[in-house]
Amino acid sequence: MGFRRVIEDVQVNKKLGKILPIKAFKLGPTQFQAEVERLRADGRMPSLPDLLDVIAETRAEFAPKILAARRGKKKA
């Protein structure tokens, strides 16, 4: 249940990321800890294995695209 909500939040953040500057999504340590506590209080904090699975999936999806974009910049 909480894991699905986090995924929905990520999808919303992706949409907002197209509108807002990237600085809006950078959190300092204090802000990050506050967000973690808020997610725990709401019962939306995913388990560590679930979170690591999502991170691995995201890296697998975007790492090749990022590397290809970097290679493209070096050629230009």
PDB file of N, CA and C in Angstrom:
ATOM      1  N   MET A   1       0.829  -1.190   0.000  1.00  0.00           N
ATOM      2  CA  MET A   1       0.000   0.000   0.000  1.00  0.00           C
ATOM      3  C   MET A   1       0.873   1.253   0.000  1.00  0.00           C
ATOM      4  N   GLY A   2       1.765   1.404   0.959  1.00  0.00           N
ATOM      5  CA  GLY A   2       2.641   2.562   1.032  1.00  0.00           C
ATOM      6  C   GLY A   2       3.556   2.651  -0.166  1.00  0.00           C
ATOM      7  N   PHE A   3       4.006   1.498  -0.644  1.00  0.00           N
ATOM      8  CA  PHE A   3       4.906   1.460  -1.796  1.00  0.00           C
ATOM      9  C   PHE A   3       4.217   2.031  -3.032  1.00  0.00           C
ATOM     10  N   ARG A   4       2.974   1.676  -3.255  1.00  0.00           N
ATOM     11  CA  ARG A   4       2.212   2.193  -4.403  1.00  0.00           C
ATOM     12  C   ARG A   4       2.091   3.717  -4.316  1.00  0.00           C
ATOM     13  N   ARG A   5       1.870   4.213  -3.117  1.00  0.00           N
ATOM     14  CA  ARG A   5       1.728   5.659  -2.930  1.00  0.00           C
ATOM     15  C   ARG A   5       3.034   6.375  -3.257  1.00  0.00           C
ATOM     16  N   VAL A   6       4.161   5.795  -2.868  1.00  0.00           N
ATOM     17  CA  VAL A   6       5.458   6.395  -3.164  1.00  0.00           C
ATOM     18  C   VAL A   6       5.667   6.426  -4.674  1.00  0.00           C
ATOM     19  N   ILE A   7       5.301   5.346  -5.359  1.00  0.00           N
ATOM     20  CA  ILE A   7       5.429   5.307  -6.820  1.00  0.00           C
ATOM     21  C   ILE A   7       4.565   6.398  -7.448  1.00  0.00           C
ATOM     22  N   GLU A   8       3.346   6.585  -6.938  1.00  0.00           N
ATOM     23  CA  GLU A   8       2.482   7.645  -7.449  1.00  0.00           C
ATOM     24  C   GLU A   8       3.116   9.001  -7.214  1.00  0.00           C
ATOM     25  N   ASP A   9       3.728   9.205  -6.044  1.00  0.00           N
ATOM     26  CA  ASP A   9       4.411  10.456  -5.742  1.00  0.00           C
ATOM     27  C   ASP A   9       5.564  10.685  -6.711  1.00  0.00           C
ATOM     28  N   VAL A  10       6.302   9.634  -7.038  1.00  0.00           N
ATOM     29  CA  VAL A  10       7.416   9.751  -7.982  1.00  0.00           C
ATOM     30  C   VAL A  10       6.893  10.168  -9.343  1.00  0.00           C
ATOM     31  N   GLN A  11       5.784   9.582  -9.775  1.00  0.00           N
ATOM     32  CA  GLN A  11       5.212   9.934 -11.071  1.00  0.00           C
ATOM     33  C   GLN A  11       4.755  11.394 -11.086  1.00  0.00           C
ATOM     34  N   VAL A  12       4.177  11.851  -9.999  1.00  0.00           N
ATOM     35  CA  VAL A  12       3.765  13.255  -9.899  1.00  0.00           C
ATOM     36  C   VAL A  12       4.999  14.145  -9.941  1.00  0.00           C
ATOM     37  N   ASN A  13       6.048  13.753  -9.224  1.00  0.00           N
ATOM     38  CA  ASN A  13       7.273  14.547  -9.215  1.00  0.00           C
ATOM     39  C   ASN A  13       7.915  14.619 -10.594  1.00  0.00           C
ATOM     40  N   LYS A  14       7.832  13.531 -11.373  1.00  0.00           N
ATOM     41  CA  LYS A  14       8.366  13.555 -12.739  1.00  0.00           C
ATOM     42  C   LYS A  14       7.618  14.590 -13.569  1.00  0.00           C
ATOM     43  N   LYS A  15       6.303  14.643 -13.407  1.00  0.00           N
ATOM     44  CA  LYS A  15       5.507  15.619 -14.154  1.00  0.00           C
ATOM     45  C   LYS A  15       5.847  17.036 -13.707  1.00  0.00           C
ATOM     46  N   LEU A  16       5.975  17.229 -12.394  1.00  0.00           N
ATOM     47  CA  LEU A  16       6.332  18.545 -11.883  1.00  0.00           C
ATOM     48  C   LEU A  16       7.739  18.943 -12.297  1.00  0.00           C
ATOM     49  N   GLY A  17       8.622  17.962 -12.413  1.00  0.00           N
ATOM     50  CA  GLY A  17       9.996  18.235 -12.800  1.00  0.00           C
ATOM     51  C   GLY A  17      10.103  18.849 -14.183  1.00  0.00           C
ATOM     52  N   LYS A  18       9.131  18.589 -15.020  1.00  0.00           N
ATOM     53  CA  LYS A  18       9.116  19.183 -16.355  1.00  0.00           C
ATOM     54  C   LYS A  18       8.715  20.654 -16.298  1.00  0.00           C
ATOM     55  N   ILE A  19       8.039  21.034 -15.222  1.00  0.00           N
ATOM     56  CA  ILE A  19       7.544  22.395 -15.083  1.00  0.00           C
ATOM     57  C   ILE A  19       8.467  23.234 -14.194  1.00  0.00           C
ATOM     58  N   LEU A  20       8.863  22.650 -13.063  1.00  0.00           N
ATOM     59  CA  LEU A  20       9.654  23.384 -12.078  1.00  0.00           C
ATOM     60  C   LEU A  20      11.146  23.183 -12.315  1.00  0.00           C
ATOM     61  N   PRO A  21      11.963  24.142 -11.868  1.00  0.00           N
ATOM     62  CA  PRO A  21      13.412  23.950 -11.992  1.00  0.00           C
ATOM     63  C   PRO A  21      13.884  22.798 -11.114  1.00  0.00           C
ATOM     64  N   ILE A  22      14.998  22.178 -11.503  1.00  0.00           N
ATOM     65  CA  ILE A  22      15.520  21.013 -10.790  1.00  0.00           C
ATOM     66  C   ILE A  22      15.856  21.338  -9.328  1.00  0.00           C
ATOM     67  N   LYS A  23      16.192  22.579  -9.037  1.00  0.00           N
ATOM     68  CA  LYS A  23      16.530  22.969  -7.666  1.00  0.00           C
ATOM     69  C   LYS A  23      15.376  22.717  -6.704  1.00  0.00           C
ATOM     70  N   ALA A  24      14.155  22.724  -7.221  1.00  0.00           N
ATOM     71  CA  ALA A  24      12.986  22.516  -6.366  1.00  0.00           C
ATOM     72  C   ALA A  24      12.959  21.117  -5.770  1.00  0.00           C
ATOM     73  N   PHE A  25      13.697  20.165  -6.347  1.00  0.00           N
ATOM     74  CA  PHE A  25      13.652  18.786  -5.888  1.00  0.00           C
ATOM     75  C   PHE A  25      14.884  18.375  -5.098  1.00  0.00           C
ATOM     76  N   LYS A  26      15.810  19.291  -4.864  1.00  0.00           N
ATOM     77  CA  LYS A  26      16.998  18.967  -4.083  1.00  0.00           C
ATOM     78  C   LYS A  26      16.697  19.222  -2.609  1.00  0.00           C
ATOM     79  N   LEU A  27      16.979  18.222  -1.781  1.00  0.00           N
ATOM     80  CA  LEU A  27      16.726  18.339  -0.356  1.00  0.00           C
ATOM     81  C   LEU A  27      18.042  18.295   0.400  1.00  0.00           C
ATOM     82  N   GLY A  28      18.149  19.134   1.389  1.00  0.00           N
ATOM     83  CA  GLY A  28      19.290  19.060   2.285  1.00  0.00           C
ATOM     84  C   GLY A  28      19.059  17.941   3.282  1.00  0.00           C
ATOM     85  N   PRO A  29      20.059  17.647   4.117  1.00  0.00           N
ATOM     86  CA  PRO A  29      19.917  16.543   5.076  1.00  0.00           C
ATOM     87  C   PRO A  29      18.736  16.724   6.037  1.00  0.00           C
ATOM     88  N   THR A  30      18.525  17.925   6.500  1.00  0.00           N
ATOM     89  CA  THR A  30      17.430  18.182   7.437  1.00  0.00           C
ATOM     90  C   THR A  30      16.080  18.016   6.745  1.00  0.00           C
ATOM     91  N   GLN A  31      15.975  18.538   5.535  1.00  0.00           N
ATOM     92  CA  GLN A  31      14.724  18.416   4.782  1.00  0.00           C
ATOM     93  C   GLN A  31      14.451  16.953   4.429  1.00  0.00           C
ATOM     94  N   PHE A  32      15.512  16.231   4.064  1.00  0.00           N
ATOM     95  CA  PHE A  32      15.356  14.821   3.719  1.00  0.00           C
ATOM     96  C   PHE A  32      14.863  14.029   4.930  1.00  0.00           C
ATOM     97  N   GLN A  33      15.464  14.272   6.091  1.00  0.00           N
ATOM     98  CA  GLN A  33      15.046  13.571   7.307  1.00  0.00           C
ATOM     99  C   GLN A  33      13.592  13.892   7.650  1.00  0.00           C
ATOM    100  N   ALA A  34      13.200  15.151   7.467  1.00  0.00           N
ATOM    101  CA  ALA A  34      11.812  15.534   7.732  1.00  0.00           C
ATOM    102  C   ALA A  34      10.857  14.807   6.780  1.00  0.00           C
ATOM    103  N   GLU A  35      11.258  14.662   5.517  1.00  0.00           N
ATOM    104  CA  GLU A  35      10.421  13.951   4.543  1.00  0.00           C
ATOM    105  C   GLU A  35      10.303  12.476   4.906  1.00  0.00           C
ATOM    106  N   VAL A  36      11.395  11.866   5.344  1.00  0.00           N
ATOM    107  CA  VAL A  36      11.369  10.466   5.777  1.00  0.00           C
ATOM    108  C   VAL A  36      10.420  10.305   6.965  1.00  0.00           C
ATOM    109  N   GLU A  37      10.523  11.184   7.926  1.00  0.00           N
ATOM    110  CA  GLU A  37       9.644  11.113   9.099  1.00  0.00           C
ATOM    111  C   GLU A  37       8.176  11.296   8.699  1.00  0.00           C
ATOM    112  N   ARG A  38       7.917  12.200   7.754  1.00  0.00           N
ATOM    113  CA  ARG A  38       6.544  12.422   7.301  1.00  0.00           C
ATOM    114  C   ARG A  38       5.999  11.162   6.628  1.00  0.00           C
ATOM    115  N   LEU A  39       6.814  10.528   5.788  1.00  0.00           N
ATOM    116  CA  LEU A  39       6.380   9.296   5.121  1.00  0.00           C
ATOM    117  C   LEU A  39       6.130   8.176   6.129  1.00  0.00           C
ATOM    118  N   ARG A  40       6.988   8.076   7.123  1.00  0.00           N
ATOM    119  CA  ARG A  40       6.785   7.054   8.164  1.00  0.00           C
ATOM    120  C   ARG A  40       5.496   7.309   8.933  1.00  0.00           C
ATOM    121  N   ALA A  41       5.264   8.559   9.302  1.00  0.00           N
ATOM    122  CA  ALA A  41       4.058   8.896  10.056  1.00  0.00           C
ATOM    123  C   ALA A  41       2.791   8.605   9.258  1.00  0.00           C
ATOM    124  N   ASP A  42       2.867   8.825   7.941  1.00  0.00           N
ATOM    125  CA  ASP A  42       1.712   8.574   7.070  1.00  0.00           C
ATOM    126  C   ASP A  42       1.586   7.104   6.695  1.00  0.00           C
ATOM    127  N   GLY A  43       2.565   6.281   7.078  1.00  0.00           N
ATOM    128  CA  GLY A  43       2.547   4.866   6.723  1.00  0.00           C
ATOM    129  C   GLY A  43       2.861   4.631   5.254  1.00  0.00           C
ATOM    130  N   ARG A  44       3.586   5.568   4.625  1.00  0.00           N
ATOM    131  CA  ARG A  44       3.881   5.474   3.201  1.00  0.00           C
ATOM    132  C   ARG A  44       5.356   5.182   2.917  1.00  0.00           C
ATOM    133  N   MET A  45       6.150   4.992   3.949  1.00  0.00           N
ATOM    134  CA  MET A  45       7.572   4.717   3.746  1.00  0.00           C
ATOM    135  C   MET A  45       7.734   3.267   3.310  1.00  0.00           C
ATOM    136  N   PRO A  46       8.328   3.038   2.119  1.00  0.00           N
ATOM    137  CA  PRO A  46       8.490   1.657   1.656  1.00  0.00           C
ATOM    138  C   PRO A  46       9.574   0.942   2.458  1.00  0.00           C
ATOM    139  N   SER A  47       9.547  -0.371   2.420  1.00  0.00           N
ATOM    140  CA  SER A  47      10.599  -1.138   3.077  1.00  0.00           C
ATOM    141  C   SER A  47      11.898  -0.940   2.298  1.00  0.00           C
ATOM    142  N   LEU A  48      13.020  -1.197   2.945  1.00  0.00           N
ATOM    143  CA  LEU A  48      14.315  -1.030   2.294  1.00  0.00           C
ATOM    144  C   LEU A  48      14.451  -1.901   1.044  1.00  0.00           C
ATOM    145  N   PRO A  49      14.084  -3.184   1.092  1.00  0.00           N
ATOM    146  CA  PRO A  49      14.188  -3.990  -0.135  1.00  0.00           C
ATOM    147  C   PRO A  49      13.335  -3.440  -1.285  1.00  0.00           C
ATOM    148  N   ASP A  50      12.135  -2.952  -0.982  1.00  0.00           N
ATOM    149  CA  ASP A  50      11.283  -2.370  -2.022  1.00  0.00           C
ATOM    150  C   ASP A  50      11.928  -1.113  -2.611  1.00  0.00           C
ATOM    151  N   LEU A  51      12.469  -0.285  -1.738  1.00  0.00           N
ATOM    152  CA  LEU A  51      13.117   0.941  -2.189  1.00  0.00           C
ATOM    153  C   LEU A  51      14.336   0.632  -3.054  1.00  0.00           C
ATOM    154  N   LEU A  52      15.141  -0.329  -2.632  1.00  0.00           N
ATOM    155  CA  LEU A  52      16.319  -0.703  -3.405  1.00  0.00           C
ATOM    156  C   LEU A  52      15.946  -1.300  -4.756  1.00  0.00           C
ATOM    157  N   ASP A  53      14.841  -2.029  -4.818  1.00  0.00           N
ATOM    158  CA  ASP A  53      14.359  -2.567  -6.092  1.00  0.00           C
ATOM    159  C   ASP A  53      13.985  -1.442  -7.055  1.00  0.00           C
ATOM    160  N   VAL A  54      13.301  -0.435  -6.541  1.00  0.00           N
ATOM    161  CA  VAL A  54      12.899   0.700  -7.384  1.00  0.00           C
ATOM    162  C   VAL A  54      14.133   1.464  -7.859  1.00  0.00           C
ATOM    163  N   ILE A  55      15.104   1.641  -6.986  1.00  0.00           N
ATOM    164  CA  ILE A  55      16.341   2.330  -7.375  1.00  0.00           C
ATOM    165  C   ILE A  55      17.052   1.545  -8.467  1.00  0.00           C
ATOM    166  N   ALA A  56      17.136   0.233  -8.324  1.00  0.00           N
ATOM    167  CA  ALA A  56      17.790  -0.608  -9.336  1.00  0.00           C
ATOM    168  C   ALA A  56      17.053  -0.522 -10.670  1.00  0.00           C
ATOM    169  N   GLU A  57      15.725  -0.545 -10.639  1.00  0.00           N
ATOM    170  CA  GLU A  57      14.942  -0.435 -11.870  1.00  0.00           C
ATOM    171  C   GLU A  57      15.166   0.916 -12.542  1.00  0.00           C
ATOM    172  N   THR A  58      15.191   1.963 -11.745  1.00  0.00           N
ATOM    173  CA  THR A  58      15.392   3.306 -12.277  1.00  0.00           C
ATOM    174  C   THR A  58      16.776   3.444 -12.894  1.00  0.00           C
ATOM    175  N   ARG A  59      17.786   2.925 -12.211  1.00  0.00           N
ATOM    176  CA  ARG A  59      19.150   2.973 -12.753  1.00  0.00           C
ATOM    177  C   ARG A  59      19.241   2.185 -14.057  1.00  0.00           C
ATOM    178  N   ALA A  60      18.612   1.022 -14.085  1.00  0.00           N
ATOM    179  CA  ALA A  60      18.645   0.193 -15.295  1.00  0.00           C
ATOM    180  C   ALA A  60      17.969   0.910 -16.462  1.00  0.00           C
ATOM    181  N   GLU A  61      16.930   1.666 -16.168  1.00  0.00           N
ATOM    182  CA  GLU A  61      16.211   2.377 -17.218  1.00  0.00           C
ATOM    183  C   GLU A  61      16.978   3.599 -17.719  1.00  0.00           C
ATOM    184  N   PHE A  62      17.541   4.381 -16.796  1.00  0.00           N
ATOM    185  CA  PHE A  62      18.104   5.662 -17.177  1.00  0.00           C
ATOM    186  C   PHE A  62      19.613   5.680 -17.390  1.00  0.00           C
ATOM    187  N   ALA A  63      20.355   4.756 -16.827  1.00  0.00           N
ATOM    188  CA  ALA A  63      21.817   4.763 -16.987  1.00  0.00           C
ATOM    189  C   ALA A  63      22.231   4.718 -18.461  1.00  0.00           C
ATOM    190  N   PRO A  64      21.673   3.828 -19.275  1.00  0.00           N
ATOM    191  CA  PRO A  64      22.069   3.824 -20.688  1.00  0.00           C
ATOM    192  C   PRO A  64      21.736   5.143 -21.406  1.00  0.00           C
ATOM    193  N   LYS A  65      20.610   5.738 -21.054  1.00  0.00           N
ATOM    194  CA  LYS A  65      20.218   7.003 -21.682  1.00  0.00           C
ATOM    195  C   LYS A  65      21.169   8.128 -21.289  1.00  0.00           C
ATOM    196  N   ILE A  66      21.552   8.161 -20.017  1.00  0.00           N
ATOM    197  CA  ILE A  66      22.476   9.191 -19.539  1.00  0.00           C
ATOM    198  C   ILE A  66      23.839   9.015 -20.192  1.00  0.00           C
ATOM    199  N   LEU A  67      24.324   7.789 -20.244  1.00  0.00           N
ATOM    200  CA  LEU A  67      25.624   7.534 -20.860  1.00  0.00           C
ATOM    201  C   LEU A  67      25.608   7.878 -22.347  1.00  0.00           C
ATOM    202  N   ALA A  68      24.521   7.560 -23.033  1.00  0.00           N
ATOM    203  CA  ALA A  68      24.413   7.898 -24.450  1.00  0.00           C
ATOM    204  C   ALA A  68      24.410   9.415 -24.649  1.00  0.00           C
ATOM    205  N   ALA A  69      23.712  10.124 -23.778  1.00  0.00           N
ATOM    206  CA  ALA A  69      23.684  11.588 -23.880  1.00  0.00           C
ATOM    207  C   ALA A  69      25.072  12.170 -23.623  1.00  0.00           C
ATOM    208  N   ARG A  70      25.795  11.617 -22.672  1.00  0.00           N
ATOM    209  CA  ARG A  70      27.154  12.092 -22.406  1.00  0.00           C
ATOM    210  C   ARG A  70      28.061  11.828 -23.594  1.00  0.00           C
ATOM    211  N   ARG A  71      27.942  10.673 -24.199  1.00  0.00           N
ATOM    212  CA  ARG A  71      28.757  10.368 -25.376  1.00  0.00           C
ATOM    213  C   ARG A  71      28.430  11.330 -26.513  1.00  0.00           C
ATOM    214  N   GLY A  72      27.161  11.654 -26.650  1.00  0.00           N
ATOM    215  CA  GLY A  72      26.740  12.600 -27.696  1.00  0.00           C
ATOM    216  C   GLY A  72      27.320  13.986 -27.501  1.00  0.00           C
ATOM    217  N   LYS A  73      27.432  14.433 -26.251  1.00  0.00           N
ATOM    218  CA  LYS A  73      27.993  15.758 -25.962  1.00  0.00           C
ATOM    219  C   LYS A  73      29.481  15.796 -26.281  1.00  0.00           C
ATOM    220  N   LYS A  74      30.196  14.695 -26.026  1.00  0.00           N
ATOM    221  CA  LYS A  74      31.633  14.670 -26.282  1.00  0.00           C
ATOM    222  C   LYS A  74      31.923  14.742 -27.765  1.00  0.00           C
ATOM    223  N   LYS A  75      31.055  14.170 -28.586  1.00  0.00           N
ATOM    224  CA  LYS A  75      31.262  14.178 -30.039  1.00  0.00           C
ATOM    225  C   LYS A  75      30.976  15.551 -30.627  1.00  0.00           C
ATOM    226  N   ALA A  76      30.072  16.281 -30.009  1.00  0.00           N
ATOM    227  CA  ALA A  76      29.657  17.588 -30.555  1.00  0.00           C
ATOM    228  C   ALA A  76      30.669  18.670 -30.288  1.00  0.00           C
TER     229      ALA A  76
END
